[in-house]
Amino acid sequence: MSSLGTLPKQMSDLASTLNTVSSDVELLNKEVKRLTEENCSLREKNRSLEEKISSLDSNFNDLDRYSRRQNLEIHGIHMSDDESIVEVESNVLTVLKKIDENISHQNIDVVHRIGKLKKNPSINVRFISRKKQKQHL
């Protein structure tokens, strides 16, 4: 009989626990909804940023390709062990003067070797303008 006397108290405790659990579930459902919305928003933002990166990458490649139009790559000029940039430019000018004797170091912006690990790496010559490059070649 004593167990029947505690039944109303147990029922009250169960009801209280059920209300607490129900409240917790409601809070969790709200949090899940908020996180789902945030996730959708972040996915959209990520998609937009990926499109922008793709566009910028394409623009960069176009600009890089355009900037190389002033360049000339020369192969076959021997490389010495302790060669300086001045020597590289002199060697380049010697080769280019065979094509156009009017070319001078003033027509060249920069000269450098490409891929120094090779035996005789090619040389990149950047003219001061595309006009000068076309004029001499």
Protein backbone atom coordinates (compact mmCIF):
# COMPACT_ATOMS: atom_id res chain seq x y z
CA MET A 1 0.00 0.00 0.00
CA SER A 2 2.87 2.35 0.63
CA SER A 3 3.86 2.15 -3.03
CA LEU A 4 0.40 3.38 -4.02
CA GLY A 5 0.79 6.40 -1.76
CA THR A 6 3.91 7.53 -3.60
CA LEU A 7 2.29 7.08 -7.02
CA PRO A 8 1.00 10.70 -7.26
CA LYS A 9 4.49 12.00 -6.38
CA GLN A 10 6.09 9.72 -8.97
CA MET A 11 3.52 10.84 -11.57
CA SER A 12 4.30 14.47 -10.75
CA ASP A 13 8.04 13.82 -11.05
CA LEU A 14 7.52 12.05 -14.39
CA ALA A 15 5.39 14.93 -15.67
CA SER A 16 8.06 17.41 -14.61
CA THR A 17 10.79 15.34 -16.28
CA LEU A 18 8.65 15.04 -19.42
CA ASN A 19 8.18 18.83 -19.52
CA THR A 20 11.93 19.34 -19.12
CA VAL A 21 12.73 16.81 -21.87
CA SER A 22 10.06 18.31 -24.11
CA SER A 23 11.51 21.78 -23.55
CA ASP A 24 15.02 20.49 -24.28
CA VAL A 25 13.84 18.79 -27.49
CA GLU A 26 12.14 22.01 -28.58
CA LEU A 27 15.35 23.97 -27.96
CA LEU A 28 17.37 21.37 -29.86
CA ASN A 29 14.92 21.48 -32.78
CA LYS A 30 15.26 25.29 -32.92
CA GLU A 31 19.05 24.96 -32.84
CA VAL A 32 18.98 22.34 -35.63
CA LYS A 33 16.77 24.63 -37.72
CA ARG A 34 19.10 27.60 -37.14
CA LEU A 35 22.19 25.53 -38.00
CA THR A 36 20.49 24.16 -41.13
CA GLU A 37 19.69 27.69 -42.30
CA GLU A 38 23.23 28.83 -41.51
CA ASN A 39 24.63 25.83 -43.39
CA CYS A 40 22.52 26.67 -46.45
CA SER A 41 23.67 30.28 -46.29
CA LEU A 42 27.33 29.26 -45.98
CA ARG A 43 27.00 26.80 -48.87
CA GLU A 44 25.59 29.56 -51.08
CA LYS A 45 28.36 31.94 -50.02
CA ASN A 46 30.96 29.23 -50.70
CA ARG A 47 29.50 28.59 -54.18
CA SER A 48 29.61 32.32 -54.91
CA LEU A 49 33.23 32.60 -53.73
CA GLU A 50 34.25 29.57 -55.82
CA GLU A 51 32.74 31.23 -58.90
CA LYS A 52 34.59 34.45 -58.10
CA ILE A 53 37.89 32.57 -57.63
CA SER A 54 37.37 30.81 -60.95
CA SER A 55 36.72 34.14 -62.67
CA LEU A 56 39.75 35.79 -61.03
CA ASP A 57 41.93 32.82 -61.94
CA SER A 58 40.84 33.10 -65.56
CA ASN A 59 41.50 36.85 -65.56
CA PHE A 60 44.92 36.30 -63.99
CA ASN A 61 45.83 33.73 -66.65
CA ASP A 62 44.73 36.14 -69.40
CA LEU A 63 46.79 38.98 -67.91
CA ASP A 64 49.80 36.71 -67.40
CA ARG A 65 49.60 35.51 -71.00
CA TYR A 66 49.22 39.11 -72.21
CA SER A 67 52.22 40.30 -70.18
CA ARG A 68 54.40 37.59 -71.72
CA ARG A 69 53.86 39.01 -75.18
CA GLN A 70 56.91 41.23 -74.61
CA ASN A 71 59.04 38.19 -73.84
CA LEU A 72 61.26 36.08 -76.03
CA GLU A 73 62.58 32.70 -74.94
CA ILE A 74 65.98 31.72 -76.33
CA HIS A 75 67.36 28.18 -76.23
CA GLY A 76 70.86 26.89 -76.86
CA ILE A 77 73.07 29.58 -75.36
CA HIS A 78 75.75 27.83 -73.30
CA MET A 79 75.76 28.54 -69.56
CA SER A 80 79.05 28.95 -67.70
CA ASP A 81 79.38 27.93 -64.05
CA ASP A 82 79.80 31.44 -62.68
CA GLU A 83 77.89 33.41 -65.27
CA SER A 84 76.48 36.79 -64.29
CA ILE A 85 73.37 38.52 -65.56
CA VAL A 86 75.61 40.96 -67.45
CA GLU A 87 77.20 38.00 -69.27
CA VAL A 88 73.78 36.52 -70.04
CA GLU A 89 72.59 39.82 -71.47
CA SER A 90 75.80 40.16 -73.52
CA ASN A 91 75.36 36.64 -74.93
CA VAL A 92 71.73 37.40 -75.77
CA LEU A 93 72.67 40.63 -77.51
CA THR A 94 75.32 38.79 -79.54
CA VAL A 95 72.68 36.34 -80.76
CA LEU A 96 70.02 39.00 -81.37
CA LYS A 97 72.45 41.25 -83.30
CA LYS A 98 72.70 38.43 -85.86
CA ILE A 99 68.98 39.00 -86.49
CA ASP A 100 68.97 42.81 -86.17
CA GLU A 101 72.21 44.72 -85.80
CA ASN A 102 70.37 47.82 -84.45
CA ILE A 103 69.31 46.10 -81.23
CA SER A 104 70.93 47.32 -78.01
CA HIS A 105 70.71 46.71 -74.27
CA GLN A 106 68.39 49.75 -74.05
CA ASN A 107 65.71 47.72 -75.86
CA ILE A 108 65.81 45.03 -73.18
CA ASP A 109 64.08 45.34 -69.83
CA VAL A 110 65.35 42.17 -68.16
CA VAL A 111 67.18 38.94 -69.01
CA HIS A 112 67.31 35.79 -66.89
CA ARG A 113 67.74 32.05 -67.12
CA ILE A 114 64.71 29.79 -66.73
CA GLY A 115 65.14 26.54 -64.82
CA LYS A 116 68.74 26.67 -63.62
CA LEU A 117 68.79 22.95 -62.80
CA LYS A 118 69.08 22.04 -66.48
CA LYS A 119 72.43 21.79 -68.25
CA ASN A 120 71.78 24.79 -70.53
CA PRO A 121 68.55 26.40 -69.37
CA SER A 122 66.70 28.68 -71.75
CA ILE A 123 66.88 32.45 -71.39
CA ASN A 124 63.89 34.73 -71.02
CA VAL A 125 64.32 38.17 -72.59
CA ARG A 126 61.77 40.86 -71.75
CA PHE A 127 61.80 43.80 -74.11
CA ILE A 128 60.86 47.29 -72.91
CA SER A 129 57.76 47.10 -75.12
CA ARG A 130 56.03 44.79 -77.55
CA LYS A 131 56.72 47.36 -80.23
CA LYS A 132 60.48 46.98 -79.66
CA GLN A 133 60.20 43.20 -79.70
CA LYS A 134 58.31 43.21 -83.02
CA GLN A 135 60.62 45.88 -84.43
CA HIS A 136 63.73 43.79 -83.88
CA LEU A 137 62.38 40.35 -84.61
